[in-house]
């Protein structure tokens, strides 16, 4: 019996566009789960989300995150996006708080 091998080159963008919303949600879940086990993949995921969210979305990947933790993360993102509108005094205060945990 003959063995055949085939190579199919699928562009991820084309594949994504053809997926249903349900399939996309499932794929996102798989991506986050896989990234939670691979630091390099998680860093890449965070970097891409940060780039496309433009500082308006919290990047929390833990399903057991408390409301306070989510609120804190959103506050940090808001501060990051407000850098140029903060006074020098406010920036110094924020930096002083951060120094306590570095």
C-alpha atoms as a PDB file:
ATOM      1  CA  UNK A   1       0.000   0.000   0.000  1.00  0.00           C
ATOM      2  CA  UNK A   2       1.375   3.416  -0.942  1.00  0.00           C
ATOM      3  CA  UNK A   3       1.931   6.149   1.640  1.00  0.00           C
ATOM      4  CA  UNK A   4       1.087   9.704   0.706  1.00  0.00           C
ATOM      5  CA  UNK A   5       2.112  12.876   2.462  1.00  0.00           C
ATOM      6  CA  UNK A   6       0.585  16.272   1.806  1.00  0.00           C
ATOM      7  CA  UNK A   7       1.565  19.758   2.907  1.00  0.00           C
ATOM      8  CA  UNK A   8      -1.115  22.408   3.170  1.00  0.00           C
ATOM      9  CA  UNK A   9      -0.056  26.002   3.726  1.00  0.00           C
ATOM     10  CA  UNK A  10      -2.884  27.808   5.520  1.00  0.00           C
ATOM     11  CA  UNK A  11      -2.601  31.511   6.237  1.00  0.00           C
ATOM     12  CA  UNK A  12      -3.675  32.066   9.875  1.00  0.00           C
ATOM     13  CA  UNK A  13      -5.513  35.264   8.877  1.00  0.00           C
ATOM     14  CA  UNK A  14      -7.575  33.391   6.295  1.00  0.00           C
ATOM     15  CA  UNK A  15      -8.331  30.635   8.799  1.00  0.00           C
ATOM     16  CA  UNK A  16      -9.389  33.168  11.452  1.00  0.00           C
ATOM     17  CA  UNK A  17     -11.719  35.013   9.066  1.00  0.00           C
ATOM     18  CA  UNK A  18     -13.506  31.767   8.197  1.00  0.00           C
ATOM     19  CA  UNK A  19     -14.116  30.787  11.837  1.00  0.00           C
ATOM     20  CA  UNK A  20     -17.457  31.397  13.542  1.00  0.00           C
ATOM     21  CA  UNK A  21     -17.619  33.597  16.646  1.00  0.00           C
ATOM     22  CA  UNK A  22     -18.012  30.456  18.801  1.00  0.00           C
ATOM     23  CA  UNK A  23     -14.904  28.918  17.237  1.00  0.00           C
ATOM     24  CA  UNK A  24     -12.956  32.146  17.771  1.00  0.00           C
ATOM     25  CA  UNK A  25     -13.924  32.217  21.460  1.00  0.00           C
ATOM     26  CA  UNK A  26     -12.807  28.600  21.788  1.00  0.00           C
ATOM     27  CA  UNK A  27      -9.513  29.396  20.039  1.00  0.00           C
ATOM     28  CA  UNK A  28      -8.894  32.364  22.350  1.00  0.00           C
ATOM     29  CA  UNK A  29      -9.501  30.099  25.356  1.00  0.00           C
ATOM     30  CA  UNK A  30      -7.001  27.570  24.018  1.00  0.00           C
ATOM     31  CA  UNK A  31      -4.455  30.329  23.351  1.00  0.00           C
ATOM     32  CA  UNK A  32      -4.732  31.724  26.880  1.00  0.00           C
ATOM     33  CA  UNK A  33      -4.519  28.230  28.391  1.00  0.00           C
ATOM     34  CA  UNK A  34      -1.428  27.377  26.350  1.00  0.00           C
ATOM     35  CA  UNK A  35       0.163  30.749  27.144  1.00  0.00           C
ATOM     36  CA  UNK A  36      -0.328  30.167  30.868  1.00  0.00           C
ATOM     37  CA  UNK A  37       2.097  27.243  30.574  1.00  0.00           C
ATOM     38  CA  UNK A  38       4.710  28.999  28.425  1.00  0.00           C
ATOM     39  CA  UNK A  39       6.316  32.261  29.614  1.00  0.00           C
ATOM     40  CA  UNK A  40       7.537  33.289  26.138  1.00  0.00           C
ATOM     41  CA  UNK A  41       4.081  32.751  24.672  1.00  0.00           C
ATOM     42  CA  UNK A  42       2.467  34.645  27.566  1.00  0.00           C
ATOM     43  CA  UNK A  43       4.844  37.581  27.057  1.00  0.00           C
ATOM     44  CA  UNK A  44       3.978  37.645  23.357  1.00  0.00           C
ATOM     45  CA  UNK A  45       0.265  37.476  24.116  1.00  0.00           C
ATOM     46  CA  UNK A  46       0.478  40.334  26.630  1.00  0.00           C
ATOM     47  CA  UNK A  47       2.560  42.426  24.236  1.00  0.00           C
ATOM     48  CA  UNK A  48       0.078  41.967  21.395  1.00  0.00           C
ATOM     49  CA  UNK A  49      -2.941  42.647  23.595  1.00  0.00           C
ATOM     50  CA  UNK A  50      -1.299  45.747  25.000  1.00  0.00           C
ATOM     51  CA  UNK A  51      -0.525  47.015  21.501  1.00  0.00           C
ATOM     52  CA  UNK A  52      -4.081  46.530  20.250  1.00  0.00           C
ATOM     53  CA  UNK A  53      -5.924  47.546  23.418  1.00  0.00           C
ATOM     54  CA  UNK A  54      -4.187  50.948  23.439  1.00  0.00           C
ATOM     55  CA  UNK A  55      -3.946  50.891  27.235  1.00  0.00           C
ATOM     56  CA  UNK A  56      -7.690  50.626  27.808  1.00  0.00           C
ATOM     57  CA  UNK A  57      -8.026  46.954  28.742  1.00  0.00           C
ATOM     58  CA  UNK A  58      -6.690  45.171  31.802  1.00  0.00           C
ATOM     59  CA  UNK A  59      -4.533  42.170  31.039  1.00  0.00           C
ATOM     60  CA  UNK A  60      -5.593  39.657  33.611  1.00  0.00           C
ATOM     61  CA  UNK A  61      -5.378  36.015  32.622  1.00  0.00           C
ATOM     62  CA  UNK A  62      -6.353  34.424  35.909  1.00  0.00           C
ATOM     63  CA  UNK A  63      -9.897  33.133  36.263  1.00  0.00           C
ATOM     64  CA  UNK A  64      -9.641  33.410  40.053  1.00  0.00           C
ATOM     65  CA  UNK A  65      -8.716  37.112  40.063  1.00  0.00           C
ATOM     66  CA  UNK A  66     -10.642  39.029  42.694  1.00  0.00           C
ATOM     67  CA  UNK A  67     -12.651  42.137  41.915  1.00  0.00           C
ATOM     68  CA  UNK A  68     -10.073  44.203  43.814  1.00  0.00           C
ATOM     69  CA  UNK A  69      -7.252  42.739  41.724  1.00  0.00           C
ATOM     70  CA  UNK A  70      -9.097  43.474  38.477  1.00  0.00           C
ATOM     71  CA  UNK A  71      -9.885  47.023  39.651  1.00  0.00           C
ATOM     72  CA  UNK A  72      -6.232  47.536  40.623  1.00  0.00           C
ATOM     73  CA  UNK A  73      -5.060  46.300  37.213  1.00  0.00           C
ATOM     74  CA  UNK A  74      -7.484  48.659  35.451  1.00  0.00           C
ATOM     75  CA  UNK A  75      -6.181  51.540  37.566  1.00  0.00           C
ATOM     76  CA  UNK A  76      -2.600  50.755  36.551  1.00  0.00           C
ATOM     77  CA  UNK A  77      -3.572  50.701  32.881  1.00  0.00           C
ATOM     78  CA  UNK A  78      -5.401  54.025  33.301  1.00  0.00           C
ATOM     79  CA  UNK A  79      -2.335  55.578  34.941  1.00  0.00           C
ATOM     80  CA  UNK A  80      -0.127  54.342  32.137  1.00  0.00           C
ATOM     81  CA  UNK A  81      -2.411  55.947  29.551  1.00  0.00           C
ATOM     82  CA  UNK A  82      -2.570  59.221  31.496  1.00  0.00           C
ATOM     83  CA  UNK A  83       1.181  59.775  31.825  1.00  0.00           C
ATOM     84  CA  UNK A  84       1.310  62.988  29.790  1.00  0.00           C
ATOM     85  CA  UNK A  85      -1.632  64.564  31.611  1.00  0.00           C
ATOM     86  CA  UNK A  86      -0.229  63.900  35.106  1.00  0.00           C
ATOM     87  CA  UNK A  87       1.607  66.612  36.991  1.00  0.00           C
ATOM     88  CA  UNK A  88       5.233  66.122  37.986  1.00  0.00           C
ATOM     89  CA  UNK A  89       4.107  65.829  41.624  1.00  0.00           C
ATOM     90  CA  UNK A  90       1.632  63.041  40.813  1.00  0.00           C
ATOM     91  CA  UNK A  91       4.259  61.151  38.820  1.00  0.00           C
ATOM     92  CA  UNK A  92       6.694  61.465  41.723  1.00  0.00           C
ATOM     93  CA  UNK A  93       4.041  60.143  44.141  1.00  0.00           C
ATOM     94  CA  UNK A  94       3.360  57.141  41.916  1.00  0.00           C
ATOM     95  CA  UNK A  95       7.078  56.445  41.561  1.00  0.00           C
ATOM     96  CA  UNK A  96       7.549  56.628  45.342  1.00  0.00           C
ATOM     97  CA  UNK A  97       4.814  54.028  45.852  1.00  0.00           C
ATOM     98  CA  UNK A  98       6.347  51.776  43.187  1.00  0.00           C
ATOM     99  CA  UNK A  99       9.807  52.006  44.797  1.00  0.00           C
ATOM    100  CA  UNK A 100       8.421  50.263  47.888  1.00  0.00           C
ATOM    101  CA  UNK A 101       7.866  47.103  45.816  1.00  0.00           C
ATOM    102  CA  UNK A 102      10.867  47.063  43.488  1.00  0.00           C
END
